[in-house]
Amino acid sequence: MSSTESNTQGAWEDRWTKPTFDMLMSVYDPAGRKRILEQLFVNFDEFPNIRREIIWFGSAWKWTEQFILTDSKGKDIEVLAYFIPNPETPGICVPLREEFIEALPLKRLNKFIREGIRTAVAKCAVEVAWASWSPNASTEVEHLTDLFKRKYKFLTNTK
């Protein structure tokens, strides 16, 4: 492992130095995982009133990027999704409340999304199911974007 690779992997784990988004993304293969994740984030950024913030989430998630829905004045409403930039297995986590899950057409959702939701609901001991995925293909990005869009519309009461 080169010192550069070691330093960029350390960016995710270094509690005392807040990394930039580019630092967190630098560990991924540009033609593979990085391209897929960047497309997902471009899709997320197309929605209005979304604020991105990198925060320290403790020993499990370390430095994590939040995608936060804000109102017209910039006040935070709710976190729509999290990006956990684990260098080995990056993850997207979408916290799902019971009323949102009940409103979803689960049978019409793609199996990739459905399984993530079912797994989260099975482990859910509180009011929020923490559904997570690690996208490996452009089609999975499309399905995650669709879920993000559904949650966005649910929270903003738009159609």
N, C-alpha and C. Protein backbone atom coordinates (compact mmCIF):
# COMPACT_ATOMS: atom_id res chain seq x y z
N MET A 1 0.85 -1.17 0.00
CA MET A 1 0.00 0.00 0.00
C MET A 1 0.89 1.23 0.00
N SER A 2 0.62 2.16 -0.89
CA SER A 2 1.41 3.39 -0.96
C SER A 2 1.02 4.32 0.18
N SER A 3 1.87 5.29 0.45
CA SER A 3 1.56 6.23 1.53
C SER A 3 0.35 7.09 1.17
N THR A 4 0.17 7.39 -0.12
CA THR A 4 -1.00 8.15 -0.54
C THR A 4 -2.27 7.36 -0.29
N GLU A 5 -2.26 6.08 -0.64
CA GLU A 5 -3.42 5.23 -0.42
C GLU A 5 -3.71 5.13 1.07
N SER A 6 -2.68 4.98 1.87
CA SER A 6 -2.84 4.90 3.31
C SER A 6 -3.45 6.18 3.86
N ASN A 7 -2.98 7.34 3.36
CA ASN A 7 -3.49 8.62 3.84
C ASN A 7 -4.95 8.82 3.47
N THR A 8 -5.35 8.42 2.26
CA THR A 8 -6.74 8.62 1.85
C THR A 8 -7.66 7.66 2.59
N GLN A 9 -7.21 6.44 2.85
CA GLN A 9 -8.03 5.54 3.66
C GLN A 9 -8.15 6.08 5.07
N GLY A 10 -7.07 6.69 5.56
CA GLY A 10 -7.08 7.27 6.88
C GLY A 10 -8.02 8.46 7.00
N ALA A 11 -8.33 9.12 5.88
CA ALA A 11 -9.23 10.27 5.90
C ALA A 11 -10.60 9.88 6.46
N TRP A 12 -11.07 8.70 6.14
CA TRP A 12 -12.37 8.23 6.63
C TRP A 12 -12.30 7.94 8.13
N GLU A 13 -11.16 7.50 8.60
CA GLU A 13 -11.01 7.05 9.98
C GLU A 13 -10.44 8.10 10.94
N ASP A 14 -9.86 9.17 10.43
CA ASP A 14 -9.21 10.17 11.27
C ASP A 14 -10.24 11.08 11.93
N ARG A 15 -10.59 10.75 13.14
CA ARG A 15 -11.63 11.46 13.90
C ARG A 15 -11.34 12.95 14.03
N TRP A 16 -10.08 13.32 14.06
CA TRP A 16 -9.70 14.69 14.40
C TRP A 16 -9.52 15.61 13.19
N THR A 17 -9.58 15.07 11.99
CA THR A 17 -9.41 15.88 10.79
C THR A 17 -10.60 15.65 9.86
N LYS A 18 -11.44 16.66 9.72
CA LYS A 18 -12.62 16.51 8.85
C LYS A 18 -12.17 16.44 7.40
N PRO A 19 -12.53 15.35 6.71
CA PRO A 19 -12.13 15.21 5.30
C PRO A 19 -13.08 15.96 4.37
N THR A 20 -12.62 16.16 3.16
CA THR A 20 -13.49 16.69 2.11
C THR A 20 -14.16 15.50 1.42
N PHE A 21 -15.18 15.78 0.64
CA PHE A 21 -15.84 14.73 -0.13
C PHE A 21 -14.84 14.07 -1.08
N ASP A 22 -14.01 14.88 -1.74
CA ASP A 22 -13.02 14.33 -2.67
C ASP A 22 -12.03 13.41 -1.97
N MET A 23 -11.65 13.74 -0.75
CA MET A 23 -10.75 12.87 0.00
C MET A 23 -11.41 11.52 0.27
N LEU A 24 -12.68 11.54 0.63
CA LEU A 24 -13.39 10.30 0.91
C LEU A 24 -13.57 9.45 -0.35
N MET A 25 -13.77 10.11 -1.48
CA MET A 25 -14.00 9.39 -2.74
C MET A 25 -12.71 8.90 -3.39
N SER A 26 -11.58 9.44 -3.00
CA SER A 26 -10.31 9.14 -3.67
C SER A 26 -9.86 7.69 -3.53
N VAL A 27 -10.44 6.94 -2.62
CA VAL A 27 -10.02 5.54 -2.43
C VAL A 27 -10.67 4.59 -3.43
N TYR A 28 -11.67 5.05 -4.16
CA TYR A 28 -12.40 4.17 -5.07
C TYR A 28 -11.85 4.23 -6.48
N ASP A 29 -11.97 3.11 -7.18
CA ASP A 29 -11.53 2.99 -8.57
C ASP A 29 -12.37 3.93 -9.45
N PRO A 30 -11.72 4.88 -10.16
CA PRO A 30 -12.47 5.85 -10.98
C PRO A 30 -13.38 5.22 -12.03
N ALA A 31 -13.00 4.07 -12.56
CA ALA A 31 -13.81 3.44 -13.60
C ALA A 31 -14.86 2.50 -13.02
N GLY A 32 -14.82 2.28 -11.73
CA GLY A 32 -15.74 1.33 -11.10
C GLY A 32 -16.64 1.99 -10.09
N ARG A 33 -16.38 1.68 -8.84
CA ARG A 33 -17.24 2.11 -7.74
C ARG A 33 -17.37 3.64 -7.68
N LYS A 34 -16.30 4.35 -7.90
CA LYS A 34 -16.35 5.82 -7.82
C LYS A 34 -17.33 6.39 -8.84
N ARG A 35 -17.30 5.89 -10.06
CA ARG A 35 -18.20 6.35 -11.12
C ARG A 35 -19.66 6.10 -10.72
N ILE A 36 -19.92 4.93 -10.17
CA ILE A 36 -21.28 4.56 -9.76
C ILE A 36 -21.77 5.46 -8.63
N LEU A 37 -20.94 5.65 -7.62
CA LEU A 37 -21.32 6.50 -6.49
C LEU A 37 -21.51 7.95 -6.92
N GLU A 38 -20.62 8.45 -7.76
CA GLU A 38 -20.74 9.83 -8.22
C GLU A 38 -22.04 10.05 -8.99
N GLN A 39 -22.45 9.06 -9.79
CA GLN A 39 -23.72 9.19 -10.51
C GLN A 39 -24.89 9.25 -9.53
N LEU A 40 -24.83 8.45 -8.48
CA LEU A 40 -25.89 8.49 -7.47
C LEU A 40 -25.97 9.87 -6.83
N PHE A 41 -24.82 10.45 -6.50
CA PHE A 41 -24.81 11.75 -5.84
C PHE A 41 -25.24 12.87 -6.78
N VAL A 42 -24.90 12.75 -8.06
CA VAL A 42 -25.40 13.71 -9.06
C VAL A 42 -26.93 13.65 -9.09
N ASN A 43 -27.47 12.44 -9.06
CA ASN A 43 -28.93 12.27 -9.05
C ASN A 43 -29.54 12.90 -7.80
N PHE A 44 -28.94 12.65 -6.63
CA PHE A 44 -29.45 13.22 -5.38
C PHE A 44 -29.41 14.75 -5.42
N ASP A 45 -28.35 15.29 -6.00
CA ASP A 45 -28.17 16.75 -6.05
C ASP A 45 -29.18 17.45 -6.95
N GLU A 46 -29.89 16.71 -7.79
CA GLU A 46 -30.89 17.31 -8.67
C GLU A 46 -32.15 17.74 -7.92
N PHE A 47 -32.33 17.24 -6.71
CA PHE A 47 -33.51 17.59 -5.93
C PHE A 47 -33.29 18.93 -5.22
N PRO A 48 -34.29 19.81 -5.23
CA PRO A 48 -34.13 21.09 -4.54
C PRO A 48 -34.13 20.92 -3.02
N ASN A 49 -33.53 21.88 -2.36
CA ASN A 49 -33.51 21.94 -0.90
C ASN A 49 -32.85 20.73 -0.24
N ILE A 50 -31.78 20.25 -0.84
CA ILE A 50 -30.99 19.18 -0.24
C ILE A 50 -29.63 19.77 0.14
N ARG A 51 -29.28 19.60 1.39
CA ARG A 51 -27.99 20.07 1.89
C ARG A 51 -27.14 18.85 2.23
N ARG A 52 -25.89 18.89 1.82
CA ARG A 52 -24.96 17.80 2.11
C ARG A 52 -24.02 18.23 3.23
N GLU A 53 -23.75 17.31 4.15
CA GLU A 53 -22.86 17.63 5.26
C GLU A 53 -22.10 16.38 5.67
N ILE A 54 -20.79 16.52 5.85
CA ILE A 54 -19.96 15.42 6.34
C ILE A 54 -19.81 15.58 7.84
N ILE A 55 -20.19 14.53 8.58
CA ILE A 55 -20.09 14.57 10.04
C ILE A 55 -19.46 13.29 10.57
N TRP A 56 -18.92 13.35 11.77
CA TRP A 56 -18.34 12.18 12.42
C TRP A 56 -19.48 11.41 13.09
N PHE A 57 -19.59 10.11 12.78
CA PHE A 57 -20.68 9.29 13.30
C PHE A 57 -20.20 8.19 14.23
N GLY A 58 -19.00 8.30 14.75
CA GLY A 58 -18.52 7.31 15.71
C GLY A 58 -17.73 6.20 15.05
N SER A 59 -17.43 5.18 15.83
CA SER A 59 -16.50 4.14 15.37
C SER A 59 -17.04 3.26 14.25
N ALA A 60 -18.34 3.15 14.10
CA ALA A 60 -18.88 2.28 13.04
C ALA A 60 -18.92 2.99 11.68
N TRP A 61 -19.53 4.17 11.64
CA TRP A 61 -19.70 4.88 10.37
C TRP A 61 -18.60 5.90 10.12
N LYS A 62 -17.86 6.25 11.15
CA LYS A 62 -16.77 7.21 11.05
C LYS A 62 -17.25 8.50 10.36
N TRP A 63 -16.50 9.02 9.38
CA TRP A 63 -16.95 10.21 8.65
C TRP A 63 -18.01 9.79 7.64
N THR A 64 -19.16 10.41 7.73
CA THR A 64 -20.32 10.05 6.92
C THR A 64 -20.94 11.31 6.33
N GLU A 65 -21.41 11.20 5.10
CA GLU A 65 -22.08 12.34 4.48
C GLU A 65 -23.58 12.17 4.58
N GLN A 66 -24.24 13.22 5.06
CA GLN A 66 -25.70 13.24 5.17
C GLN A 66 -26.29 14.03 4.00
N PHE A 67 -27.43 13.58 3.53
CA PHE A 67 -28.22 14.32 2.54
C PHE A 67 -29.48 14.76 3.27
N ILE A 68 -29.55 16.05 3.58
CA ILE A 68 -30.58 16.57 4.47
C ILE A 68 -31.59 17.41 3.69
N LEU A 69 -32.86 17.11 3.88
CA LEU A 69 -33.93 17.91 3.30
C LEU A 69 -34.09 19.16 4.17
N THR A 70 -34.11 20.32 3.52
CA THR A 70 -34.29 21.59 4.24
C THR A 70 -35.55 22.29 3.75
N ASP A 71 -36.05 23.20 4.57
CA ASP A 71 -37.20 23.99 4.13
C ASP A 71 -36.69 25.18 3.30
N SER A 72 -37.60 26.04 2.88
CA SER A 72 -37.22 27.16 2.01
C SER A 72 -36.29 28.16 2.68
N LYS A 73 -36.24 28.13 4.02
CA LYS A 73 -35.35 29.03 4.76
C LYS A 73 -34.02 28.37 5.11
N GLY A 74 -33.84 27.12 4.68
CA GLY A 74 -32.60 26.41 4.95
C GLY A 74 -32.58 25.63 6.25
N LYS A 75 -33.70 25.58 6.95
CA LYS A 75 -33.78 24.84 8.21
C LYS A 75 -33.91 23.34 7.90
N ASP A 76 -33.15 22.53 8.63
CA ASP A 76 -33.18 21.08 8.42
C ASP A 76 -34.55 20.51 8.77
N ILE A 77 -35.05 19.63 7.89
CA ILE A 77 -36.31 18.94 8.14
C ILE A 77 -36.03 17.49 8.54
N GLU A 78 -35.30 16.77 7.69
CA GLU A 78 -35.02 15.36 7.97
C GLU A 78 -33.88 14.88 7.07
N VAL A 79 -33.11 13.93 7.58
CA VAL A 79 -32.06 13.32 6.77
C VAL A 79 -32.71 12.32 5.82
N LEU A 80 -32.46 12.49 4.52
CA LEU A 80 -33.01 11.58 3.52
C LEU A 80 -32.15 10.34 3.36
N ALA A 81 -30.83 10.52 3.44
CA ALA A 81 -29.93 9.39 3.22
C ALA A 81 -28.56 9.72 3.81
N TYR A 82 -27.79 8.65 4.01
CA TYR A 82 -26.42 8.77 4.48
C TYR A 82 -25.52 8.02 3.50
N PHE A 83 -24.33 8.56 3.29
CA PHE A 83 -23.29 7.86 2.53
C PHE A 83 -22.19 7.51 3.52
N ILE A 84 -21.97 6.22 3.72
CA ILE A 84 -20.92 5.72 4.60
C ILE A 84 -19.75 5.32 3.72
N PRO A 85 -18.71 6.15 3.62
CA PRO A 85 -17.63 5.91 2.66
C PRO A 85 -16.56 4.93 3.13
N ASN A 86 -17.00 3.78 3.61
CA ASN A 86 -16.06 2.73 3.99
C ASN A 86 -15.23 2.38 2.76
N PRO A 87 -13.91 2.45 2.83
CA PRO A 87 -13.08 2.18 1.65
C PRO A 87 -13.30 0.79 1.04
N GLU A 88 -13.64 -0.19 1.87
CA GLU A 88 -13.83 -1.55 1.35
C GLU A 88 -15.25 -1.79 0.84
N THR A 89 -16.24 -1.30 1.55
CA THR A 89 -17.63 -1.49 1.15
C THR A 89 -18.42 -0.22 1.45
N PRO A 90 -18.45 0.73 0.53
CA PRO A 90 -19.22 1.95 0.77
C PRO A 90 -20.71 1.63 0.83
N GLY A 91 -21.41 2.35 1.67
CA GLY A 91 -22.83 2.08 1.83
C GLY A 91 -23.70 3.31 1.73
N ILE A 92 -24.93 3.09 1.33
CA ILE A 92 -25.97 4.11 1.33
C ILE A 92 -27.02 3.63 2.32
N CYS A 93 -27.33 4.46 3.28
CA CYS A 93 -28.34 4.10 4.28
C CYS A 93 -29.48 5.11 4.19
N VAL A 94 -30.69 4.59 4.14
CA VAL A 94 -31.87 5.45 4.07
C VAL A 94 -32.76 5.11 5.27
N PRO A 95 -32.85 6.02 6.24
CA PRO A 95 -33.74 5.77 7.38
C PRO A 95 -35.20 5.87 6.92
N LEU A 96 -35.97 4.84 7.25
CA LEU A 96 -37.35 4.76 6.78
C LEU A 96 -38.31 4.64 7.96
N ARG A 97 -39.21 5.59 8.05
CA ARG A 97 -40.23 5.54 9.11
C ARG A 97 -41.37 4.62 8.66
N GLU A 98 -42.08 4.08 9.64
CA GLU A 98 -43.15 3.12 9.38
C GLU A 98 -44.19 3.66 8.41
N GLU A 99 -44.60 4.92 8.59
CA GLU A 99 -45.65 5.47 7.72
C GLU A 99 -45.19 5.58 6.27
N PHE A 100 -43.90 5.81 6.06
CA PHE A 100 -43.38 5.85 4.69
C PHE A 100 -43.34 4.45 4.10
N ILE A 101 -42.88 3.48 4.87
CA ILE A 101 -42.81 2.10 4.38
C ILE A 101 -44.20 1.61 4.00
N GLU A 102 -45.19 1.95 4.82
CA GLU A 102 -46.57 1.54 4.53
C GLU A 102 -47.10 2.18 3.25
N ALA A 103 -46.59 3.35 2.89
CA ALA A 103 -47.04 4.05 1.68
C ALA A 103 -46.34 3.55 0.42
N LEU A 104 -45.27 2.78 0.59
CA LEU A 104 -44.52 2.29 -0.58
C LEU A 104 -45.23 1.13 -1.27
N PRO A 105 -45.19 1.10 -2.59
CA PRO A 105 -45.71 -0.07 -3.32
C PRO A 105 -44.63 -1.16 -3.37
N LEU A 106 -44.42 -1.83 -2.25
CA LEU A 106 -43.28 -2.76 -2.12
C LEU A 106 -43.21 -3.79 -3.24
N LYS A 107 -44.34 -4.31 -3.65
CA LYS A 107 -44.32 -5.34 -4.70
C LYS A 107 -43.84 -4.80 -6.04
N ARG A 108 -43.99 -3.50 -6.25
CA ARG A 108 -43.56 -2.90 -7.52
C ARG A 108 -42.12 -2.40 -7.48
N LEU A 109 -41.53 -2.34 -6.29
CA LEU A 109 -40.14 -1.91 -6.19
C LEU A 109 -39.21 -3.01 -6.65
N ASN A 110 -38.05 -2.62 -7.13
CA ASN A 110 -37.05 -3.58 -7.56
C ASN A 110 -36.60 -4.45 -6.38
N LYS A 111 -36.24 -5.68 -6.67
CA LYS A 111 -35.83 -6.63 -5.63
C LYS A 111 -34.66 -6.10 -4.80
N PHE A 112 -33.71 -5.40 -5.44
CA PHE A 112 -32.56 -4.82 -4.74
C PHE A 112 -33.04 -3.90 -3.61
N ILE A 113 -34.02 -3.06 -3.89
CA ILE A 113 -34.56 -2.13 -2.89
C ILE A 113 -35.43 -2.87 -1.89
N ARG A 114 -36.30 -3.73 -2.40
CA ARG A 114 -37.21 -4.49 -1.54
C ARG A 114 -36.47 -5.28 -0.47
N GLU A 115 -35.41 -5.96 -0.87
CA GLU A 115 -34.65 -6.78 0.08
C GLU A 115 -33.97 -5.92 1.14
N GLY A 116 -33.45 -4.76 0.74
CA GLY A 116 -32.85 -3.85 1.71
C GLY A 116 -33.86 -3.37 2.74
N ILE A 117 -35.07 -3.07 2.28
CA ILE A 117 -36.12 -2.62 3.19
C ILE A 117 -36.56 -3.77 4.10
N ARG A 118 -36.78 -4.94 3.53
CA ARG A 118 -37.22 -6.09 4.35
C ARG A 118 -36.20 -6.44 5.42
N THR A 119 -34.93 -6.41 5.07
CA THR A 119 -33.88 -6.71 6.04
C THR A 119 -33.89 -5.68 7.16
N ALA A 120 -34.04 -4.41 6.82
CA ALA A 120 -34.06 -3.34 7.82
C ALA A 120 -35.27 -3.46 8.73
N VAL A 121 -36.43 -3.76 8.16
CA VAL A 121 -37.66 -3.89 8.95
C VAL A 121 -37.55 -5.08 9.90
N ALA A 122 -36.95 -6.16 9.45
CA ALA A 122 -36.80 -7.35 10.29
C ALA A 122 -35.93 -7.06 11.51
N LYS A 123 -34.97 -6.16 11.37
CA LYS A 123 -34.06 -5.82 12.46
C LYS A 123 -34.52 -4.60 13.25
N CYS A 124 -35.60 -3.99 12.84
CA CYS A 124 -36.04 -2.72 13.41
C CYS A 124 -36.63 -2.92 14.81
N ALA A 125 -36.05 -2.23 15.78
CA ALA A 125 -36.54 -2.31 17.15
C ALA A 125 -37.11 -0.97 17.60
N VAL A 126 -37.02 0.01 16.73
CA VAL A 126 -37.54 1.35 17.04
C VAL A 126 -38.42 1.79 15.88
N GLU A 127 -38.79 3.05 15.87
CA GLU A 127 -39.70 3.55 14.84
C GLU A 127 -39.06 3.75 13.48
N VAL A 128 -37.75 3.64 13.39
CA VAL A 128 -37.05 3.87 12.14
C VAL A 128 -36.31 2.61 11.71
N ALA A 129 -36.56 2.20 10.47
CA ALA A 129 -35.82 1.06 9.89
C ALA A 129 -34.65 1.64 9.11
N TRP A 130 -33.45 1.15 9.38
CA TRP A 130 -32.23 1.67 8.74
C TRP A 130 -31.87 0.78 7.57
N ALA A 131 -32.47 1.04 6.43
CA ALA A 131 -32.23 0.24 5.23
C ALA A 131 -30.91 0.67 4.60
N SER A 132 -30.11 -0.31 4.19
CA SER A 132 -28.81 0.04 3.60
C SER A 132 -28.48 -0.83 2.40
N TRP A 133 -27.70 -0.23 1.52
CA TRP A 133 -27.29 -0.88 0.28
C TRP A 133 -25.86 -0.48 -0.05
N SER A 134 -25.22 -1.29 -0.87
CA SER A 134 -23.90 -0.96 -1.41
C SER A 134 -23.99 -1.14 -2.92
N PRO A 135 -24.29 -0.05 -3.64
CA PRO A 135 -24.53 -0.17 -5.08
C PRO A 135 -23.26 -0.54 -5.86
N ASN A 136 -23.43 -1.49 -6.78
CA ASN A 136 -22.32 -1.95 -7.62
C ASN A 136 -22.58 -1.76 -9.10
N ALA A 137 -23.76 -1.29 -9.46
CA ALA A 137 -24.12 -1.16 -10.88
C ALA A 137 -25.00 0.06 -11.10
N SER A 138 -25.00 0.55 -12.32
CA SER A 138 -25.81 1.72 -12.67
C SER A 138 -27.30 1.47 -12.44
N THR A 139 -27.75 0.26 -12.67
CA THR A 139 -29.16 -0.05 -12.44
C THR A 139 -29.52 0.09 -10.96
N GLU A 140 -28.59 -0.28 -10.08
CA GLU A 140 -28.84 -0.13 -8.65
C GLU A 140 -28.89 1.35 -8.26
N VAL A 141 -28.10 2.18 -8.94
CA VAL A 141 -28.15 3.63 -8.73
C VAL A 141 -29.54 4.15 -9.11
N GLU A 142 -30.08 3.67 -10.22
CA GLU A 142 -31.42 4.09 -10.64
C GLU A 142 -32.46 3.73 -9.59
N HIS A 143 -32.35 2.53 -9.04
CA HIS A 143 -33.33 2.09 -8.04
C HIS A 143 -33.20 2.87 -6.73
N LEU A 144 -31.97 3.17 -6.33
CA LEU A 144 -31.77 3.98 -5.12
C LEU A 144 -32.26 5.41 -5.34
N THR A 145 -32.05 5.94 -6.53
CA THR A 145 -32.54 7.28 -6.85
C THR A 145 -34.06 7.31 -6.79
N ASP A 146 -34.70 6.25 -7.28
CA ASP A 146 -36.16 6.16 -7.22
C ASP A 146 -36.65 6.16 -5.77
N LEU A 147 -35.99 5.41 -4.90
CA LEU A 147 -36.38 5.39 -3.49
C LEU A 147 -36.18 6.77 -2.86
N PHE A 148 -35.05 7.41 -3.17
CA PHE A 148 -34.76 8.75 -2.67
C PHE A 148 -35.87 9.72 -3.12
N LYS A 149 -36.25 9.61 -4.40
CA LYS A 149 -37.30 10.46 -4.95
C LYS A 149 -38.63 10.22 -4.24
N ARG A 150 -38.96 8.96 -3.99
CA ARG A 150 -40.20 8.63 -3.29
C ARG A 150 -40.21 9.21 -1.88
N LYS A 151 -39.08 9.09 -1.19
CA LYS A 151 -39.00 9.63 0.18
C LYS A 151 -39.09 11.15 0.14
N TYR A 152 -38.40 11.76 -0.81
CA TYR A 152 -38.44 13.21 -0.97
C TYR A 152 -39.88 13.69 -1.18
N LYS A 153 -40.58 13.05 -2.11
CA LYS A 153 -41.96 13.43 -2.41
C LYS A 153 -42.87 13.20 -1.20
N PHE A 154 -42.65 12.12 -0.48
CA PHE A 154 -43.44 11.82 0.71
C PHE A 154 -43.28 12.92 1.75
N LEU A 155 -42.04 13.33 1.98
CA LEU A 155 -41.77 14.34 3.00
C LEU A 155 -42.18 15.75 2.58
N THR A 156 -42.16 16.02 1.29
CA THR A 156 -42.52 17.36 0.80
C THR A 156 -43.97 17.44 0.32
N ASN A 157 -44.69 16.32 0.40
CA ASN A 157 -46.08 16.26 -0.06
C ASN A 157 -46.24 16.70 -1.50
N THR A 158 -45.30 16.27 -2.35
CA THR A 158 -45.38 16.59 -3.78
C THR A 158 -45.67 15.32 -4.56
N LYS A 159 -46.15 15.49 -5.78
CA LYS A 159 -46.45 14.31 -6.61
C LYS A 159 -45.57 14.25 -7.80
